[in-house]
C-alpha atoms as a PDB file:
ATOM      1  CA  UNK A   1      25.915  38.002 -69.578  1.00  0.00           C
ATOM      2  CA  UNK A   2      27.344  34.514 -70.070  1.00  0.00           C
ATOM      3  CA  UNK A   3      30.040  35.179 -67.461  1.00  0.00           C
ATOM      4  CA  UNK A   4      27.398  36.396 -65.041  1.00  0.00           C
ATOM      5  CA  UNK A   5      25.414  33.171 -65.378  1.00  0.00           C
ATOM      6  CA  UNK A   6      28.461  31.010 -64.852  1.00  0.00           C
ATOM      7  CA  UNK A   7      29.561  32.957 -61.776  1.00  0.00           C
ATOM      8  CA  UNK A   8      26.104  32.798 -60.219  1.00  0.00           C
ATOM      9  CA  UNK A   9      25.861  29.070 -60.829  1.00  0.00           C
ATOM     10  CA  UNK A  10      29.210  28.412 -59.200  1.00  0.00           C
ATOM     11  CA  UNK A  11      28.549  30.627 -56.197  1.00  0.00           C
ATOM     12  CA  UNK A  12      25.085  29.220 -55.603  1.00  0.00           C
ATOM     13  CA  UNK A  13      26.648  25.850 -54.843  1.00  0.00           C
ATOM     14  CA  UNK A  14      28.321  27.442 -51.788  1.00  0.00           C
ATOM     15  CA  UNK A  15      25.144  28.923 -50.328  1.00  0.00           C
ATOM     16  CA  UNK A  16      25.463  29.177 -46.511  1.00  0.00           C
ATOM     17  CA  UNK A  17      28.753  27.336 -46.684  1.00  0.00           C
ATOM     18  CA  UNK A  18      31.585  29.984 -46.338  1.00  0.00           C
ATOM     19  CA  UNK A  19      -0.927  39.420 -62.109  1.00  0.00           C
ATOM     20  CA  UNK A  20      -2.116  37.286 -64.628  1.00  0.00           C
ATOM     21  CA  UNK A  21       0.323  36.131 -67.258  1.00  0.00           C
ATOM     22  CA  UNK A  22      -0.133  36.432 -70.985  1.00  0.00           C
ATOM     23  CA  UNK A  23       1.828  33.837 -72.916  1.00  0.00           C
ATOM     24  CA  UNK A  24       2.815  34.143 -76.545  1.00  0.00           C
ATOM     25  CA  UNK A  25       0.243  32.825 -78.984  1.00  0.00           C
ATOM     26  CA  UNK A  26      -0.354  31.552 -82.490  1.00  0.00           C
ATOM     27  CA  UNK A  27      -1.924  34.138 -84.789  1.00  0.00           C
ATOM     28  CA  UNK A  28      -3.553  33.563 -88.223  1.00  0.00           C
ATOM     29  CA  UNK A  29      -4.091  35.994 -91.059  1.00  0.00           C
ATOM     30  CA  UNK A  30      -4.667  35.776 -94.804  1.00  0.00           C
ATOM     31  CA  UNK A  31      -0.991  34.912 -95.428  1.00  0.00           C
ATOM     32  CA  UNK A  32      -0.735  32.067 -92.913  1.00  0.00           C
ATOM     33  CA  UNK A  33       0.142  31.338 -89.303  1.00  0.00           C
ATOM     34  CA  UNK A  34       2.686  33.240 -87.228  1.00  0.00           C
ATOM     35  CA  UNK A  35       3.689  33.318 -83.558  1.00  0.00           C
ATOM     36  CA  UNK A  36       3.479  36.489 -81.500  1.00  0.00           C
ATOM     37  CA  UNK A  37       5.715  36.684 -78.443  1.00  0.00           C
ATOM     38  CA  UNK A  38       4.571  38.185 -75.168  1.00  0.00           C
ATOM     39  CA  UNK A  39       6.617  41.334 -75.813  1.00  0.00           C
ATOM     40  CA  UNK A  40       4.793  41.932 -79.118  1.00  0.00           C
ATOM     41  CA  UNK A  41       7.601  40.715 -81.396  1.00  0.00           C
ATOM     42  CA  UNK A  42       7.267  37.621 -83.594  1.00  0.00           C
ATOM     43  CA  UNK A  43       9.390  34.608 -84.460  1.00  0.00           C
ATOM     44  CA  UNK A  44      11.079  34.588 -87.847  1.00  0.00           C
ATOM     45  CA  UNK A  45      13.963  33.283 -89.967  1.00  0.00           C
ATOM     46  CA  UNK A  46      14.568  29.834 -88.563  1.00  0.00           C
ATOM     47  CA  UNK A  47      13.466  26.857 -86.496  1.00  0.00           C
ATOM     48  CA  UNK A  48      11.708  27.311 -83.143  1.00  0.00           C
ATOM     49  CA  UNK A  49      10.338  24.801 -80.649  1.00  0.00           C
ATOM     50  CA  UNK A  50       6.783  25.542 -79.539  1.00  0.00           C
ATOM     51  CA  UNK A  51       4.820  23.289 -77.182  1.00  0.00           C
ATOM     52  CA  UNK A  52       7.086  20.323 -77.906  1.00  0.00           C
ATOM     53  CA  UNK A  53       7.105  20.584 -81.733  1.00  0.00           C
ATOM     54  CA  UNK A  54       9.471  22.411 -84.063  1.00  0.00           C
ATOM     55  CA  UNK A  55       8.382  24.871 -86.775  1.00  0.00           C
ATOM     56  CA  UNK A  56      10.247  26.765 -89.469  1.00  0.00           C
ATOM     57  CA  UNK A  57       9.384  30.465 -89.760  1.00  0.00           C
ATOM     58  CA  UNK A  58      10.314  32.394 -92.906  1.00  0.00           C
ATOM     59  CA  UNK A  59      11.817  35.903 -92.922  1.00  0.00           C
ATOM     60  CA  UNK A  60       8.311  37.403 -92.753  1.00  0.00           C
ATOM     61  CA  UNK A  61       7.420  35.341 -89.695  1.00  0.00           C
ATOM     62  CA  UNK A  62       5.078  32.762 -91.269  1.00  0.00           C
ATOM     63  CA  UNK A  63       5.482  29.016 -90.777  1.00  0.00           C
ATOM     64  CA  UNK A  64       6.126  26.769 -93.729  1.00  0.00           C
ATOM     65  CA  UNK A  65       3.578  23.990 -94.294  1.00  0.00           C
ATOM     66  CA  UNK A  66       3.494  20.870 -96.483  1.00  0.00           C
ATOM     67  CA  UNK A  67       6.941  21.548 -97.883  1.00  0.00           C
ATOM     68  CA  UNK A  68      10.673  21.286 -97.271  1.00  0.00           C
ATOM     69  CA  UNK A  69      12.559  23.824 -95.146  1.00  0.00           C
ATOM     70  CA  UNK A  70      15.781  25.424 -96.461  1.00  0.00           C
ATOM     71  CA  UNK A  71      17.883  22.821 -94.609  1.00  0.00           C
ATOM     72  CA  UNK A  72      16.042  19.956 -96.330  1.00  0.00           C
ATOM     73  CA  UNK A  73      13.823  18.963 -93.396  1.00  0.00           C
ATOM     74  CA  UNK A  74      10.158  18.219 -94.089  1.00  0.00           C
ATOM     75  CA  UNK A  75       7.197  19.907 -92.426  1.00  0.00           C
ATOM     76  CA  UNK A  76       3.611  18.648 -92.449  1.00  0.00           C
ATOM     77  CA  UNK A  77       0.303  20.447 -93.082  1.00  0.00           C
ATOM     78  CA  UNK A  78       0.416  21.908 -89.556  1.00  0.00           C
ATOM     79  CA  UNK A  79       3.958  23.166 -90.090  1.00  0.00           C
ATOM     80  CA  UNK A  80       5.532  20.694 -87.641  1.00  0.00           C
ATOM     81  CA  UNK A  81       8.912  19.118 -88.453  1.00  0.00           C
ATOM     82  CA  UNK A  82       8.498  15.478 -89.499  1.00  0.00           C
ATOM     83  CA  UNK A  83      10.984  12.676 -90.038  1.00  0.00           C
ATOM     84  CA  UNK A  84       9.807   9.707 -92.128  1.00  0.00           C
ATOM     85  CA  UNK A  85       6.243  10.948 -91.712  1.00  0.00           C
ATOM     86  CA  UNK A  86       6.404  11.157 -87.894  1.00  0.00           C
ATOM     87  CA  UNK A  87       6.295  14.459 -86.033  1.00  0.00           C
ATOM     88  CA  UNK A  88       9.558  15.093 -84.200  1.00  0.00           C
ATOM     89  CA  UNK A  89       8.900  16.118 -80.604  1.00  0.00           C
ATOM     90  CA  UNK A  90      10.830  16.955 -77.473  1.00  0.00           C
ATOM     91  CA  UNK A  91       9.745  17.369 -73.831  1.00  0.00           C
ATOM     92  CA  UNK A  92       8.267  20.775 -73.100  1.00  0.00           C
ATOM     93  CA  UNK A  93       9.348  20.458 -69.453  1.00  0.00           C
ATOM     94  CA  UNK A  94      12.648  19.543 -67.812  1.00  0.00           C
ATOM     95  CA  UNK A  95      13.443  18.520 -64.244  1.00  0.00           C
ATOM     96  CA  UNK A  96      16.105  19.968 -61.996  1.00  0.00           C
ATOM     97  CA  UNK A  97      16.247  18.337 -58.566  1.00  0.00           C
ATOM     98  CA  UNK A  98      12.764  18.873 -57.083  1.00  0.00           C
ATOM     99  CA  UNK A  99      11.868  21.576 -59.626  1.00  0.00           C
ATOM    100  CA  UNK A 100       9.973  21.183 -62.878  1.00  0.00           C
ATOM    101  CA  UNK A 101      10.764  23.905 -65.401  1.00  0.00           C
ATOM    102  CA  UNK A 102       8.617  24.533 -68.472  1.00  0.00           C
ATOM    103  CA  UNK A 103      10.741  25.481 -71.478  1.00  0.00           C
ATOM    104  CA  UNK A 104       9.342  28.746 -72.912  1.00  0.00           C
ATOM    105  CA  UNK A 105       8.249  28.687 -76.527  1.00  0.00           C
ATOM    106  CA  UNK A 106      11.081  29.809 -78.793  1.00  0.00           C
ATOM    107  CA  UNK A 107      13.745  28.856 -76.221  1.00  0.00           C
ATOM    108  CA  UNK A 108      16.038  25.863 -75.802  1.00  0.00           C
ATOM    109  CA  UNK A 109      17.416  24.296 -72.636  1.00  0.00           C
ATOM    110  CA  UNK A 110      20.898  23.015 -71.813  1.00  0.00           C
ATOM    111  CA  UNK A 111      22.489  21.691 -68.641  1.00  0.00           C
ATOM    112  CA  UNK A 112      25.877  23.077 -67.595  1.00  0.00           C
ATOM    113  CA  UNK A 113      28.648  20.849 -66.284  1.00  0.00           C
ATOM    114  CA  UNK A 114      27.668  21.768 -62.711  1.00  0.00           C
ATOM    115  CA  UNK A 115      24.046  20.707 -63.304  1.00  0.00           C
ATOM    116  CA  UNK A 116      22.574  24.185 -63.679  1.00  0.00           C
ATOM    117  CA  UNK A 117      19.837  24.639 -66.277  1.00  0.00           C
ATOM    118  CA  UNK A 118      20.233  27.363 -68.891  1.00  0.00           C
ATOM    119  CA  UNK A 119      17.375  28.665 -71.029  1.00  0.00           C
ATOM    120  CA  UNK A 120      18.337  30.712 -74.069  1.00  0.00           C
ATOM    121  CA  UNK A 121      16.432  32.185 -76.972  1.00  0.00           C
ATOM    122  CA  UNK A 122      16.570  30.395 -80.301  1.00  0.00           C
ATOM    123  CA  UNK A 123      17.738  32.875 -82.962  1.00  0.00           C
ATOM    124  CA  UNK A 124      18.072  35.601 -80.293  1.00  0.00           C
ATOM    125  CA  UNK A 125      17.063  39.183 -80.924  1.00  0.00           C
ATOM    126  CA  UNK A 126      18.256  40.317 -77.473  1.00  0.00           C
ATOM    127  CA  UNK A 127      20.513  39.184 -74.632  1.00  0.00           C
ATOM    128  CA  UNK A 128      17.686  37.694 -72.561  1.00  0.00           C
ATOM    129  CA  UNK A 129      18.304  34.352 -70.850  1.00  0.00           C
ATOM    130  CA  UNK A 130      17.587  32.401 -67.672  1.00  0.00           C
ATOM    131  CA  UNK A 131      19.654  30.250 -65.331  1.00  0.00           C
ATOM    132  CA  UNK A 132      18.072  27.883 -62.795  1.00  0.00           C
ATOM    133  CA  UNK A 133      20.163  26.089 -60.183  1.00  0.00           C
ATOM    134  CA  UNK A 134      19.670  24.347 -56.841  1.00  0.00           C
ATOM    135  CA  UNK A 135      21.792  23.406 -53.845  1.00  0.00           C
ATOM    136  CA  UNK A 136      21.187  21.373 -50.696  1.00  0.00           C
ATOM    137  CA  UNK A 137      22.510  22.298 -47.244  1.00  0.00           C
ATOM    138  CA  UNK A 138      21.212  21.303 -43.816  1.00  0.00           C
ATOM    139  CA  UNK A 139      22.237  24.733 -42.486  1.00  0.00           C
ATOM    140  CA  UNK A 140      19.202  26.187 -44.253  1.00  0.00           C
ATOM    141  CA  UNK A 141      16.994  24.498 -41.676  1.00  0.00           C
ATOM    142  CA  UNK A 142      19.273  25.697 -38.872  1.00  0.00           C
ATOM    143  CA  UNK A 143      19.036  29.314 -40.045  1.00  0.00           C
ATOM    144  CA  UNK A 144      15.264  29.058 -40.317  1.00  0.00           C
ATOM    145  CA  UNK A 145      14.969  27.551 -36.836  1.00  0.00           C
ATOM    146  CA  UNK A 146      17.249  30.138 -35.240  1.00  0.00           C
ATOM    147  CA  UNK A 147      16.226  33.297 -37.081  1.00  0.00           C
ATOM    148  CA  UNK A 148      12.822  32.543 -38.610  1.00  0.00           C
ATOM    149  CA  UNK A 149      11.709  33.368 -42.128  1.00  0.00           C
ATOM    150  CA  UNK A 150      12.764  37.000 -41.833  1.00  0.00           C
ATOM    151  CA  UNK A 151      16.257  35.910 -40.845  1.00  0.00           C
ATOM    152  CA  UNK A 152      16.363  33.517 -43.775  1.00  0.00           C
ATOM    153  CA  UNK A 153      15.392  36.365 -46.064  1.00  0.00           C
ATOM    154  CA  UNK A 154      18.193  38.558 -44.696  1.00  0.00           C
ATOM    155  CA  UNK A 155      20.713  35.774 -45.284  1.00  0.00           C
ATOM    156  CA  UNK A 156      19.350  35.441 -48.835  1.00  0.00           C
ATOM    157  CA  UNK A 157      19.869  39.161 -49.429  1.00  0.00           C
ATOM    158  CA  UNK A 158      23.481  38.929 -48.292  1.00  0.00           C
ATOM    159  CA  UNK A 159      24.052  35.895 -50.492  1.00  0.00           C
ATOM    160  CA  UNK A 160      22.542  37.637 -53.509  1.00  0.00           C
ATOM    161  CA  UNK A 161      24.757  40.685 -52.960  1.00  0.00           C
ATOM    162  CA  UNK A 162      27.810  38.432 -52.743  1.00  0.00           C
ATOM    163  CA  UNK A 163      26.985  36.720 -56.035  1.00  0.00           C
ATOM    164  CA  UNK A 164      26.669  40.045 -57.836  1.00  0.00           C
ATOM    165  CA  UNK A 165      29.722  41.649 -56.231  1.00  0.00           C
ATOM    166  CA  UNK A 166      31.918  38.694 -57.213  1.00  0.00           C
ATOM    167  CA  UNK A 167      31.362  39.235 -60.921  1.00  0.00           C
ATOM    168  CA  UNK A 168      34.809  40.217 -62.173  1.00  0.00           C
ATOM    169  CA  UNK A 169      35.115  43.609 -63.822  1.00  0.00           C
ATOM    170  CA  UNK A 170      31.531  44.664 -63.182  1.00  0.00           C
ATOM    171  CA  UNK A 171      29.812  47.454 -61.309  1.00  0.00           C
ATOM    172  CA  UNK A 172      26.506  46.641 -59.633  1.00  0.00           C
ATOM    173  CA  UNK A 173      23.666  48.603 -58.080  1.00  0.00           C
ATOM    174  CA  UNK A 174      20.835  47.066 -56.090  1.00  0.00           C
ATOM    175  CA  UNK A 175      17.584  48.551 -57.415  1.00  0.00           C
ATOM    176  CA  UNK A 176      15.305  46.902 -54.850  1.00  0.00           C
ATOM    177  CA  UNK A 177      14.194  43.815 -52.978  1.00  0.00           C
ATOM    178  CA  UNK A 178      10.776  42.219 -52.731  1.00  0.00           C
ATOM    179  CA  UNK A 179       8.963  39.042 -51.716  1.00  0.00           C
ATOM    180  CA  UNK A 180       6.937  37.264 -54.414  1.00  0.00           C
ATOM    181  CA  UNK A 181       4.275  34.588 -53.958  1.00  0.00           C
ATOM    182  CA  UNK A 182       3.826  32.032 -56.732  1.00  0.00           C
ATOM    183  CA  UNK A 183       2.371  28.519 -57.131  1.00  0.00           C
ATOM    184  CA  UNK A 184       5.857  27.163 -56.328  1.00  0.00           C
ATOM    185  CA  UNK A 185       6.115  29.066 -53.043  1.00  0.00           C
ATOM    186  CA  UNK A 186       7.683  32.217 -51.623  1.00  0.00           C
ATOM    187  CA  UNK A 187      10.535  33.757 -53.600  1.00  0.00           C
ATOM    188  CA  UNK A 188      12.896  36.470 -52.397  1.00  0.00           C
ATOM    189  CA  UNK A 189      13.634  38.871 -55.261  1.00  0.00           C
ATOM    190  CA  UNK A 190      16.776  40.976 -55.526  1.00  0.00           C
ATOM    191  CA  UNK A 191      16.960  43.297 -58.542  1.00  0.00           C
ATOM    192  CA  UNK A 192      20.325  44.597 -59.735  1.00  0.00           C
ATOM    193  CA  UNK A 193      21.687  46.717 -62.544  1.00  0.00           C
ATOM    194  CA  UNK A 194      25.015  45.371 -63.781  1.00  0.00           C
ATOM    195  CA  UNK A 195      27.537  47.218 -65.927  1.00  0.00           C
ATOM    196  CA  UNK A 196      30.454  45.294 -67.401  1.00  0.00           C
ATOM    197  CA  UNK A 197      32.490  47.268 -69.904  1.00  0.00           C
ATOM    198  CA  UNK A 198      29.991  48.874 -72.262  1.00  0.00           C
ATOM    199  CA  UNK A 199      27.232  46.364 -71.461  1.00  0.00           C
ATOM    200  CA  UNK A 200      24.466  47.172 -68.960  1.00  0.00           C
ATOM    201  CA  UNK A 201      21.633  44.839 -67.989  1.00  0.00           C
ATOM    202  CA  UNK A 202      19.071  44.388 -65.248  1.00  0.00           C
ATOM    203  CA  UNK A 203      19.369  41.093 -63.392  1.00  0.00           C
ATOM    204  CA  UNK A 204      16.481  39.579 -61.431  1.00  0.00           C
ATOM    205  CA  UNK A 205      17.640  37.079 -58.820  1.00  0.00           C
ATOM    206  CA  UNK A 206      14.905  34.967 -57.200  1.00  0.00           C
ATOM    207  CA  UNK A 207      15.689  32.673 -54.245  1.00  0.00           C
ATOM    208  CA  UNK A 208      13.312  30.086 -52.786  1.00  0.00           C
ATOM    209  CA  UNK A 209      13.665  27.373 -50.122  1.00  0.00           C
ATOM    210  CA  UNK A 210      11.998  24.001 -49.730  1.00  0.00           C
ATOM    211  CA  UNK A 211      13.292  21.969 -46.788  1.00  0.00           C
ATOM    212  CA  UNK A 212      17.070  21.843 -47.077  1.00  0.00           C
ATOM    213  CA  UNK A 213      17.088  22.860 -50.748  1.00  0.00           C
ATOM    214  CA  UNK A 214      17.800  26.357 -52.028  1.00  0.00           C
ATOM    215  CA  UNK A 215      16.582  27.244 -55.528  1.00  0.00           C
ATOM    216  CA  UNK A 216      17.965  30.167 -57.495  1.00  0.00           C
ATOM    217  CA  UNK A 217      16.532  31.646 -60.695  1.00  0.00           C
ATOM    218  CA  UNK A 218      18.574  34.305 -62.477  1.00  0.00           C
ATOM    219  CA  UNK A 219      16.754  36.209 -65.232  1.00  0.00           C
ATOM    220  CA  UNK A 220      18.859  38.529 -67.385  1.00  0.00           C
ATOM    221  CA  UNK A 221      18.287  40.957 -70.205  1.00  0.00           C
ATOM    222  CA  UNK A 222      15.115  41.295 -72.260  1.00  0.00           C
ATOM    223  CA  UNK A 223      13.172  38.065 -72.765  1.00  0.00           C
ATOM    224  CA  UNK A 224      10.611  38.062 -75.545  1.00  0.00           C
ATOM    225  CA  UNK A 225       8.256  35.411 -74.095  1.00  0.00           C
ATOM    226  CA  UNK A 226       7.841  36.451 -70.449  1.00  0.00           C
ATOM    227  CA  UNK A 227       8.486  39.056 -67.802  1.00  0.00           C
ATOM    228  CA  UNK A 228      10.568  37.945 -64.796  1.00  0.00           C
ATOM    229  CA  UNK A 229       7.533  37.533 -62.527  1.00  0.00           C
ATOM    230  CA  UNK A 230       5.679  35.646 -65.242  1.00  0.00           C
ATOM    231  CA  UNK A 231       8.538  33.168 -65.461  1.00  0.00           C
ATOM    232  CA  UNK A 232       8.371  32.476 -61.720  1.00  0.00           C
ATOM    233  CA  UNK A 233       4.567  32.184 -61.806  1.00  0.00           C
ATOM    234  CA  UNK A 234       4.102  30.166 -64.989  1.00  0.00           C
ATOM    235  CA  UNK A 235       7.295  28.265 -65.793  1.00  0.00           C
ATOM    236  CA  UNK A 236       8.443  26.977 -62.390  1.00  0.00           C
ATOM    237  CA  UNK A 237       6.753  24.121 -60.512  1.00  0.00           C
END
């Protein structure tokens, strides 16, 4: 799926140019505190960032507290990583052009060389990941003026098909298209099933427009903390 993300990010830069959500939650029991993901699984065996702080979960899924983690790092009574007595934190949101993206609990964010934002699972148990990218083009406004919103949607569908078809060595099938409303606006959804070699995955491609900016969110594989629609509703602003 890495090659798919990179191809989508590159092609998105040429655009036009050629239900209530249930987040994961902390859970206590007689043995301690653990974190249940939205898909029912739990974090274990390593460090995970949650709401801006980092916690070490043992092999049974419980956080360590008031001790030292296997790598020598200290954690306080709440289980948060501390350095010289101060809790180590990081931003729980990142900005990409006009978008604000909340980093899901148990995920980490990186920016690619082209400026695209990648969200990947820490200590992954599946191939799930997300790519968010944006591009500006004044032809977006021209298409909207000439063809209206329905015309813009049709152009989006053609663009999405082109992105998928240009993935080298893969076979793709469009499983459906839909329009989704979220707090961040109207998103055009194109759902594909991609087969590359022996690997098969469903890919959700969401496209949204604000002024002369196109936003693309590519959600791949199985993500433990959210469904695709939940990501668009709860993690994008």
